[in-house]
Amino acid sequence: MPLIFVGGLIFGFGLGFSHMARPEVVLNFLQFEDFGLLFVMGGAAVVTGIAFALVPRLRDRAPLTGDTYGRRLKSFDRNILIGGAIFGVGWGLSGICPGAAYASLGVGNITILWALAGMFIGAYIQGYWRSQRTASETSTTGAD
């Protein structure tokens, strides 16, 4: 668990240092006025790609869970499209994504609590909706 905490601190520090925890920077990117976020995201993608390519060759199991490495393919369906659209609208309205919201709070942006509240409410509604849907599918399957 300390490794996860340290990783989170490094991630948050990186977001704060690169000013990506400031909603106005993100909104400027979304309005094609500042492309700094593009370079930060591109750099993160390169590092992640290298890690995904090298780590399974260096280790046969994940260090924290002990699970074997493998691809988890998920279907591209309506839920992915709807979730992506909701995430994009929320990102565009608030100028912040979930990870950066906590870093933004850490750099003193108290008004980001509104966005965090919206994220928690949305996650609760989605969880409630999914549990209701799963329960109805289970009762329908059990009736057969």
N, C-alpha and C. Protein backbone atom coordinates (compact mmCIF):
# COMPACT_ATOMS: atom_id res chain seq x y z
N MET A 1 0.80 -1.21 0.00
CA MET A 1 0.00 0.00 0.00
C MET A 1 0.85 1.28 0.00
N PRO A 2 1.99 1.29 0.67
CA PRO A 2 2.79 2.52 0.60
C PRO A 2 3.23 2.86 -0.83
N LEU A 3 3.44 1.84 -1.66
CA LEU A 3 3.84 2.08 -3.04
C LEU A 3 2.72 2.80 -3.81
N ILE A 4 1.49 2.42 -3.54
CA ILE A 4 0.35 3.08 -4.18
C ILE A 4 0.27 4.54 -3.73
N PHE A 5 0.45 4.75 -2.44
CA PHE A 5 0.41 6.11 -1.90
C PHE A 5 1.51 6.98 -2.51
N VAL A 6 2.72 6.45 -2.60
CA VAL A 6 3.83 7.20 -3.19
C VAL A 6 3.56 7.48 -4.67
N GLY A 7 3.04 6.49 -5.38
CA GLY A 7 2.69 6.70 -6.78
C GLY A 7 1.65 7.79 -6.95
N GLY A 8 0.66 7.82 -6.07
CA GLY A 8 -0.35 8.87 -6.11
C GLY A 8 0.24 10.24 -5.82
N LEU A 9 1.15 10.31 -4.87
CA LEU A 9 1.81 11.58 -4.56
C LEU A 9 2.63 12.08 -5.75
N ILE A 10 3.34 11.18 -6.40
CA ILE A 10 4.14 11.57 -7.57
C ILE A 10 3.22 12.04 -8.70
N PHE A 11 2.13 11.32 -8.92
CA PHE A 11 1.18 11.70 -9.96
C PHE A 11 0.58 13.08 -9.66
N GLY A 12 0.14 13.28 -8.43
CA GLY A 12 -0.44 14.56 -8.04
C GLY A 12 0.56 15.70 -8.14
N PHE A 13 1.81 15.44 -7.70
CA PHE A 13 2.85 16.47 -7.82
C PHE A 13 3.09 16.82 -9.27
N GLY A 14 3.13 15.81 -10.13
CA GLY A 14 3.34 16.05 -11.57
C GLY A 14 2.22 16.88 -12.17
N LEU A 15 0.99 16.59 -11.77
CA LEU A 15 -0.14 17.38 -12.27
C LEU A 15 -0.07 18.82 -11.78
N GLY A 16 0.28 18.99 -10.51
CA GLY A 16 0.40 20.34 -9.97
C GLY A 16 1.56 21.11 -10.58
N PHE A 17 2.70 20.44 -10.75
CA PHE A 17 3.88 21.08 -11.30
C PHE A 17 3.68 21.50 -12.76
N SER A 18 2.97 20.67 -13.51
CA SER A 18 2.74 20.97 -14.93
C SER A 18 1.52 21.87 -15.15
N HIS A 19 0.90 22.31 -14.07
CA HIS A 19 -0.28 23.18 -14.09
C HIS A 19 -1.50 22.51 -14.70
N MET A 20 -1.51 21.18 -14.79
CA MET A 20 -2.65 20.46 -15.35
C MET A 20 -3.76 20.31 -14.32
N ALA A 21 -3.52 20.73 -13.09
CA ALA A 21 -4.55 20.69 -12.06
C ALA A 21 -5.33 22.00 -12.01
N ARG A 22 -5.05 22.88 -12.96
CA ARG A 22 -5.77 24.16 -13.05
C ARG A 22 -6.80 24.07 -14.16
N PRO A 23 -8.08 24.17 -13.85
CA PRO A 23 -9.13 24.03 -14.87
C PRO A 23 -8.97 24.97 -16.05
N GLU A 24 -8.46 26.18 -15.82
CA GLU A 24 -8.33 27.12 -16.94
C GLU A 24 -7.33 26.64 -17.98
N VAL A 25 -6.31 25.88 -17.56
CA VAL A 25 -5.34 25.32 -18.50
C VAL A 25 -6.02 24.26 -19.37
N VAL A 26 -6.81 23.42 -18.73
CA VAL A 26 -7.52 22.37 -19.46
C VAL A 26 -8.55 22.98 -20.42
N LEU A 27 -9.28 23.98 -19.95
CA LEU A 27 -10.27 24.62 -20.81
C LEU A 27 -9.61 25.32 -22.00
N ASN A 28 -8.44 25.91 -21.78
CA ASN A 28 -7.71 26.53 -22.89
C ASN A 28 -7.29 25.47 -23.92
N PHE A 29 -6.93 24.30 -23.44
CA PHE A 29 -6.60 23.21 -24.36
C PHE A 29 -7.83 22.80 -25.17
N LEU A 30 -8.96 22.65 -24.49
CA LEU A 30 -10.18 22.22 -25.18
C LEU A 30 -10.69 23.27 -26.16
N GLN A 31 -10.27 24.52 -25.98
CA GLN A 31 -10.65 25.59 -26.91
C GLN A 31 -9.54 25.85 -27.94
N PHE A 32 -8.56 24.96 -28.03
CA PHE A 32 -7.44 25.03 -28.98
C PHE A 32 -6.61 26.30 -28.83
N GLU A 33 -6.46 26.76 -27.59
CA GLU A 33 -5.65 27.95 -27.33
C GLU A 33 -4.29 27.62 -26.71
N ASP A 34 -4.18 26.47 -26.05
CA ASP A 34 -2.94 26.08 -25.36
C ASP A 34 -2.78 24.58 -25.52
N PHE A 35 -1.68 24.14 -26.12
CA PHE A 35 -1.49 22.72 -26.39
C PHE A 35 -0.53 22.05 -25.41
N GLY A 36 -0.29 22.67 -24.26
CA GLY A 36 0.58 22.07 -23.25
C GLY A 36 0.05 20.74 -22.76
N LEU A 37 -1.26 20.64 -22.58
CA LEU A 37 -1.87 19.40 -22.11
C LEU A 37 -1.64 18.27 -23.10
N LEU A 38 -1.62 18.59 -24.37
CA LEU A 38 -1.37 17.58 -25.40
C LEU A 38 0.01 16.95 -25.20
N PHE A 39 1.01 17.77 -24.89
CA PHE A 39 2.36 17.26 -24.66
C PHE A 39 2.45 16.45 -23.36
N VAL A 40 1.73 16.88 -22.33
CA VAL A 40 1.72 16.12 -21.07
C VAL A 40 1.06 14.76 -21.30
N MET A 41 -0.08 14.75 -21.98
CA MET A 41 -0.77 13.49 -22.24
C MET A 41 0.04 12.60 -23.19
N GLY A 42 0.68 13.19 -24.18
CA GLY A 42 1.52 12.43 -25.09
C GLY A 42 2.70 11.80 -24.38
N GLY A 43 3.34 12.57 -23.50
CA GLY A 43 4.44 12.02 -22.71
C GLY A 43 3.99 10.89 -21.82
N ALA A 44 2.83 11.04 -21.21
CA ALA A 44 2.29 9.97 -20.36
C ALA A 44 1.98 8.73 -21.18
N ALA A 45 1.46 8.92 -22.39
CA ALA A 45 1.16 7.78 -23.26
C ALA A 45 2.42 7.03 -23.66
N VAL A 46 3.49 7.77 -23.93
CA VAL A 46 4.76 7.13 -24.31
C VAL A 46 5.31 6.32 -23.13
N VAL A 47 5.33 6.90 -21.94
CA VAL A 47 5.83 6.20 -20.76
C VAL A 47 4.98 4.96 -20.48
N THR A 48 3.67 5.10 -20.58
CA THR A 48 2.78 3.97 -20.34
C THR A 48 2.99 2.87 -21.38
N GLY A 49 3.13 3.27 -22.64
CA GLY A 49 3.37 2.29 -23.69
C GLY A 49 4.65 1.51 -23.47
N ILE A 50 5.70 2.19 -23.07
CA ILE A 50 6.97 1.52 -22.79
C ILE A 50 6.81 0.57 -21.60
N ALA A 51 6.13 1.03 -20.56
CA ALA A 51 5.91 0.19 -19.38
C ALA A 51 5.10 -1.05 -19.74
N PHE A 52 4.04 -0.89 -20.54
CA PHE A 52 3.23 -2.04 -20.92
C PHE A 52 4.01 -3.02 -21.77
N ALA A 53 4.97 -2.53 -22.54
CA ALA A 53 5.77 -3.41 -23.38
C ALA A 53 6.88 -4.11 -22.59
N LEU A 54 7.50 -3.41 -21.65
CA LEU A 54 8.66 -3.96 -20.96
C LEU A 54 8.35 -4.74 -19.69
N VAL A 55 7.44 -4.27 -18.89
CA VAL A 55 7.22 -4.88 -17.57
C VAL A 55 6.84 -6.36 -17.67
N PRO A 56 5.93 -6.77 -18.57
CA PRO A 56 5.64 -8.22 -18.65
C PRO A 56 6.85 -9.06 -19.05
N ARG A 57 7.81 -8.47 -19.73
CA ARG A 57 9.02 -9.21 -20.10
C ARG A 57 10.00 -9.31 -18.93
N LEU A 58 9.94 -8.34 -18.03
CA LEU A 58 10.85 -8.32 -16.88
C LEU A 58 10.30 -9.06 -15.68
N ARG A 59 8.99 -9.07 -15.53
CA ARG A 59 8.33 -9.72 -14.39
C ARG A 59 7.19 -10.58 -14.92
N ASP A 60 6.96 -11.71 -14.28
CA ASP A 60 5.86 -12.56 -14.73
C ASP A 60 4.57 -12.29 -13.96
N ARG A 61 4.68 -11.57 -12.84
CA ARG A 61 3.48 -11.28 -12.03
C ARG A 61 3.49 -9.82 -11.58
N ALA A 62 2.30 -9.29 -11.35
CA ALA A 62 2.16 -7.92 -10.86
C ALA A 62 2.69 -7.85 -9.43
N PRO A 63 3.44 -6.79 -9.08
CA PRO A 63 4.07 -6.74 -7.76
C PRO A 63 3.10 -6.61 -6.59
N LEU A 64 1.98 -5.94 -6.76
CA LEU A 64 1.07 -5.74 -5.63
C LEU A 64 0.05 -6.86 -5.47
N THR A 65 -0.43 -7.41 -6.58
CA THR A 65 -1.50 -8.41 -6.50
C THR A 65 -1.01 -9.82 -6.72
N GLY A 66 0.11 -9.99 -7.41
CA GLY A 66 0.60 -11.32 -7.73
C GLY A 66 -0.10 -11.94 -8.94
N ASP A 67 -1.00 -11.20 -9.57
CA ASP A 67 -1.70 -11.70 -10.76
C ASP A 67 -0.76 -11.73 -11.95
N THR A 68 -1.04 -12.63 -12.87
CA THR A 68 -0.25 -12.67 -14.10
C THR A 68 -0.69 -11.52 -15.01
N TYR A 69 0.24 -11.07 -15.83
CA TYR A 69 -0.09 -10.01 -16.78
C TYR A 69 -0.86 -10.60 -17.94
N GLY A 70 -1.82 -9.86 -18.41
CA GLY A 70 -2.59 -10.30 -19.56
C GLY A 70 -3.47 -9.17 -20.05
N ARG A 71 -3.86 -9.26 -21.30
CA ARG A 71 -4.74 -8.24 -21.86
C ARG A 71 -6.16 -8.52 -21.42
N ARG A 72 -6.83 -7.48 -21.02
CA ARG A 72 -8.24 -7.60 -20.66
C ARG A 72 -9.04 -6.88 -21.74
N LEU A 73 -9.50 -7.61 -22.68
CA LEU A 73 -10.25 -7.03 -23.77
C LEU A 73 -11.71 -6.86 -23.35
N LYS A 74 -12.23 -5.69 -23.61
CA LYS A 74 -13.63 -5.42 -23.31
C LYS A 74 -14.32 -5.03 -24.60
N SER A 75 -15.58 -5.37 -24.66
CA SER A 75 -16.32 -5.05 -25.88
C SER A 75 -16.59 -3.55 -25.96
N PHE A 76 -16.61 -3.07 -27.18
CA PHE A 76 -16.93 -1.66 -27.42
C PHE A 76 -18.43 -1.60 -27.68
N ASP A 77 -19.16 -1.14 -26.67
CA ASP A 77 -20.61 -1.15 -26.79
C ASP A 77 -21.21 0.20 -26.44
N ARG A 78 -22.50 0.23 -26.31
CA ARG A 78 -23.23 1.46 -26.04
C ARG A 78 -22.79 2.09 -24.71
N ASN A 79 -22.51 1.28 -23.70
CA ASN A 79 -22.10 1.81 -22.41
C ASN A 79 -20.79 2.58 -22.50
N ILE A 80 -19.86 2.11 -23.35
CA ILE A 80 -18.59 2.81 -23.54
C ILE A 80 -18.85 4.17 -24.19
N LEU A 81 -19.70 4.20 -25.18
CA LEU A 81 -20.00 5.46 -25.86
C LEU A 81 -20.70 6.46 -24.93
N ILE A 82 -21.68 5.98 -24.19
CA ILE A 82 -22.41 6.87 -23.27
C ILE A 82 -21.48 7.36 -22.15
N GLY A 83 -20.70 6.46 -21.58
CA GLY A 83 -19.77 6.84 -20.52
C GLY A 83 -18.73 7.84 -21.01
N GLY A 84 -18.20 7.60 -22.20
CA GLY A 84 -17.23 8.53 -22.77
C GLY A 84 -17.83 9.90 -23.04
N ALA A 85 -19.07 9.91 -23.50
CA ALA A 85 -19.74 11.19 -23.76
C ALA A 85 -19.99 11.95 -22.46
N ILE A 86 -20.43 11.25 -21.44
CA ILE A 86 -20.66 11.90 -20.14
C ILE A 86 -19.34 12.42 -19.56
N PHE A 87 -18.29 11.60 -19.65
CA PHE A 87 -16.98 12.04 -19.17
C PHE A 87 -16.53 13.28 -19.93
N GLY A 88 -16.67 13.28 -21.25
CA GLY A 88 -16.24 14.42 -22.06
C GLY A 88 -17.00 15.69 -21.75
N VAL A 89 -18.30 15.57 -21.56
CA VAL A 89 -19.11 16.75 -21.21
C VAL A 89 -18.69 17.27 -19.84
N GLY A 90 -18.51 16.37 -18.88
CA GLY A 90 -18.08 16.79 -17.55
C GLY A 90 -16.70 17.43 -17.57
N TRP A 91 -15.82 16.87 -18.37
CA TRP A 91 -14.46 17.42 -18.51
C TRP A 91 -14.53 18.81 -19.12
N GLY A 92 -15.36 18.97 -20.14
CA GLY A 92 -15.48 20.27 -20.79
C GLY A 92 -16.14 21.31 -19.91
N LEU A 93 -17.13 20.92 -19.12
CA LEU A 93 -17.82 21.88 -18.26
C LEU A 93 -16.97 22.30 -17.06
N SER A 94 -16.29 21.32 -16.45
CA SER A 94 -15.54 21.64 -15.24
C SER A 94 -14.08 21.98 -15.53
N GLY A 95 -13.57 21.53 -16.66
CA GLY A 95 -12.17 21.76 -16.99
C GLY A 95 -11.23 20.87 -16.21
N ILE A 96 -11.74 19.76 -15.70
CA ILE A 96 -10.90 18.90 -14.87
C ILE A 96 -11.38 17.46 -14.99
N CYS A 97 -10.45 16.52 -14.92
CA CYS A 97 -10.82 15.11 -14.91
C CYS A 97 -10.65 14.59 -13.47
N PRO A 98 -11.15 13.40 -13.17
CA PRO A 98 -11.15 12.94 -11.77
C PRO A 98 -9.78 12.95 -11.09
N GLY A 99 -8.74 12.46 -11.75
CA GLY A 99 -7.42 12.42 -11.11
C GLY A 99 -6.89 13.80 -10.82
N ALA A 100 -7.06 14.70 -11.78
CA ALA A 100 -6.56 16.06 -11.61
C ALA A 100 -7.40 16.85 -10.62
N ALA A 101 -8.64 16.43 -10.39
CA ALA A 101 -9.50 17.16 -9.44
C ALA A 101 -8.91 17.10 -8.03
N TYR A 102 -8.40 15.94 -7.65
CA TYR A 102 -7.79 15.82 -6.32
C TYR A 102 -6.51 16.64 -6.23
N ALA A 103 -5.74 16.63 -7.30
CA ALA A 103 -4.52 17.45 -7.32
C ALA A 103 -4.89 18.92 -7.27
N SER A 104 -5.96 19.30 -7.93
CA SER A 104 -6.42 20.69 -7.93
C SER A 104 -6.84 21.11 -6.52
N LEU A 105 -7.49 20.20 -5.83
CA LEU A 105 -7.85 20.48 -4.44
C LEU A 105 -6.59 20.64 -3.59
N GLY A 106 -5.58 19.84 -3.90
CA GLY A 106 -4.32 19.92 -3.16
C GLY A 106 -3.55 21.21 -3.39
N VAL A 107 -3.77 21.87 -4.53
CA VAL A 107 -3.09 23.14 -4.79
C VAL A 107 -3.95 24.33 -4.38
N GLY A 108 -5.06 24.06 -3.67
CA GLY A 108 -5.84 25.14 -3.08
C GLY A 108 -7.08 25.56 -3.84
N ASN A 109 -7.47 24.84 -4.85
CA ASN A 109 -8.68 25.18 -5.61
C ASN A 109 -9.89 24.59 -4.90
N ILE A 110 -10.45 25.34 -3.97
CA ILE A 110 -11.56 24.85 -3.15
C ILE A 110 -12.84 24.70 -3.98
N THR A 111 -13.03 25.54 -5.00
CA THR A 111 -14.26 25.46 -5.79
C THR A 111 -14.35 24.16 -6.59
N ILE A 112 -13.25 23.43 -6.67
CA ILE A 112 -13.28 22.14 -7.38
C ILE A 112 -14.13 21.13 -6.62
N LEU A 113 -14.46 21.44 -5.37
CA LEU A 113 -15.34 20.54 -4.60
C LEU A 113 -16.67 20.34 -5.30
N TRP A 114 -17.15 21.34 -6.04
CA TRP A 114 -18.40 21.19 -6.80
C TRP A 114 -18.25 20.10 -7.86
N ALA A 115 -17.14 20.12 -8.57
CA ALA A 115 -16.89 19.10 -9.59
C ALA A 115 -16.73 17.72 -8.95
N LEU A 116 -16.02 17.66 -7.82
CA LEU A 116 -15.87 16.38 -7.11
C LEU A 116 -17.22 15.85 -6.63
N ALA A 117 -18.07 16.74 -6.14
CA ALA A 117 -19.41 16.32 -5.72
C ALA A 117 -20.18 15.75 -6.91
N GLY A 118 -20.08 16.40 -8.06
CA GLY A 118 -20.74 15.89 -9.26
C GLY A 118 -20.21 14.54 -9.67
N MET A 119 -18.90 14.33 -9.53
CA MET A 119 -18.30 13.04 -9.87
C MET A 119 -18.82 11.95 -8.95
N PHE A 120 -18.89 12.24 -7.65
CA PHE A 120 -19.38 11.24 -6.70
C PHE A 120 -20.86 10.94 -6.93
N ILE A 121 -21.65 11.95 -7.19
CA ILE A 121 -23.08 11.74 -7.46
C ILE A 121 -23.25 10.91 -8.73
N GLY A 122 -22.51 11.25 -9.77
CA GLY A 122 -22.58 10.49 -11.01
C GLY A 122 -22.16 9.04 -10.82
N ALA A 123 -21.11 8.81 -10.06
CA ALA A 123 -20.65 7.44 -9.80
C ALA A 123 -21.70 6.67 -9.00
N TYR A 124 -22.34 7.33 -8.05
CA TYR A 124 -23.38 6.68 -7.26
C TYR A 124 -24.57 6.31 -8.14
N ILE A 125 -25.00 7.23 -8.98
CA ILE A 125 -26.13 6.97 -9.87
C ILE A 125 -25.80 5.83 -10.82
N GLN A 126 -24.59 5.82 -11.37
CA GLN A 126 -24.19 4.76 -12.28
C GLN A 126 -24.16 3.42 -11.56
N GLY A 127 -23.63 3.39 -10.35
CA GLY A 127 -23.59 2.15 -9.57
C GLY A 127 -24.99 1.65 -9.23
N TYR A 128 -25.86 2.57 -8.87
CA TYR A 128 -27.25 2.20 -8.56
C TYR A 128 -27.93 1.66 -9.80
N TRP A 129 -27.76 2.35 -10.94
CA TRP A 129 -28.36 1.91 -12.19
C TRP A 129 -27.85 0.54 -12.59
N ARG A 130 -26.55 0.32 -12.46
CA ARG A 130 -25.97 -0.98 -12.84
C ARG A 130 -26.47 -2.09 -11.91
N SER A 131 -26.57 -1.81 -10.60
CA SER A 131 -27.05 -2.84 -9.68
C SER A 131 -28.51 -3.18 -9.97
N GLN A 132 -29.32 -2.18 -10.31
CA GLN A 132 -30.72 -2.43 -10.66
C GLN A 132 -30.81 -3.25 -11.94
N ARG A 133 -29.98 -2.92 -12.91
CA ARG A 133 -29.98 -3.63 -14.18
C ARG A 133 -29.52 -5.08 -13.99
N THR A 134 -28.49 -5.27 -13.17
CA THR A 134 -28.00 -6.62 -12.90
C THR A 134 -29.06 -7.43 -12.15
N ALA A 135 -29.73 -6.80 -11.20
CA ALA A 135 -30.78 -7.50 -10.44
C ALA A 135 -31.93 -7.90 -11.35
N SER A 136 -32.31 -7.01 -12.27
CA SER A 136 -33.43 -7.35 -13.17
C SER A 136 -33.02 -8.44 -14.15
N GLU A 137 -31.76 -8.44 -14.61
CA GLU A 137 -31.29 -9.50 -15.51
C GLU A 137 -31.21 -10.83 -14.78
N THR A 138 -30.83 -10.81 -13.50
CA THR A 138 -30.74 -12.04 -12.71
C THR A 138 -32.12 -12.60 -12.46
N SER A 139 -33.09 -11.76 -12.15
CA SER A 139 -34.45 -12.24 -11.89
C SER A 139 -35.08 -12.74 -13.18
N THR A 140 -34.78 -12.15 -14.32
CA THR A 140 -35.32 -12.60 -15.59
C THR A 140 -34.70 -13.94 -15.98
N THR A 141 -33.39 -14.10 -15.76
CA THR A 141 -32.70 -15.34 -16.07
C THR A 141 -33.15 -16.45 -15.14
N GLY A 142 -33.36 -16.12 -13.89
CA GLY A 142 -33.80 -17.12 -12.91
C GLY A 142 -35.20 -17.62 -13.17
N ALA A 143 -36.02 -16.84 -13.86
CA ALA A 143 -37.40 -17.23 -14.13
C ALA A 143 -37.50 -18.25 -15.26
N ASP A 144 -36.43 -18.38 -16.07
CA ASP A 144 -36.47 -19.29 -17.22
C ASP A 144 -36.42 -20.70 -16.79
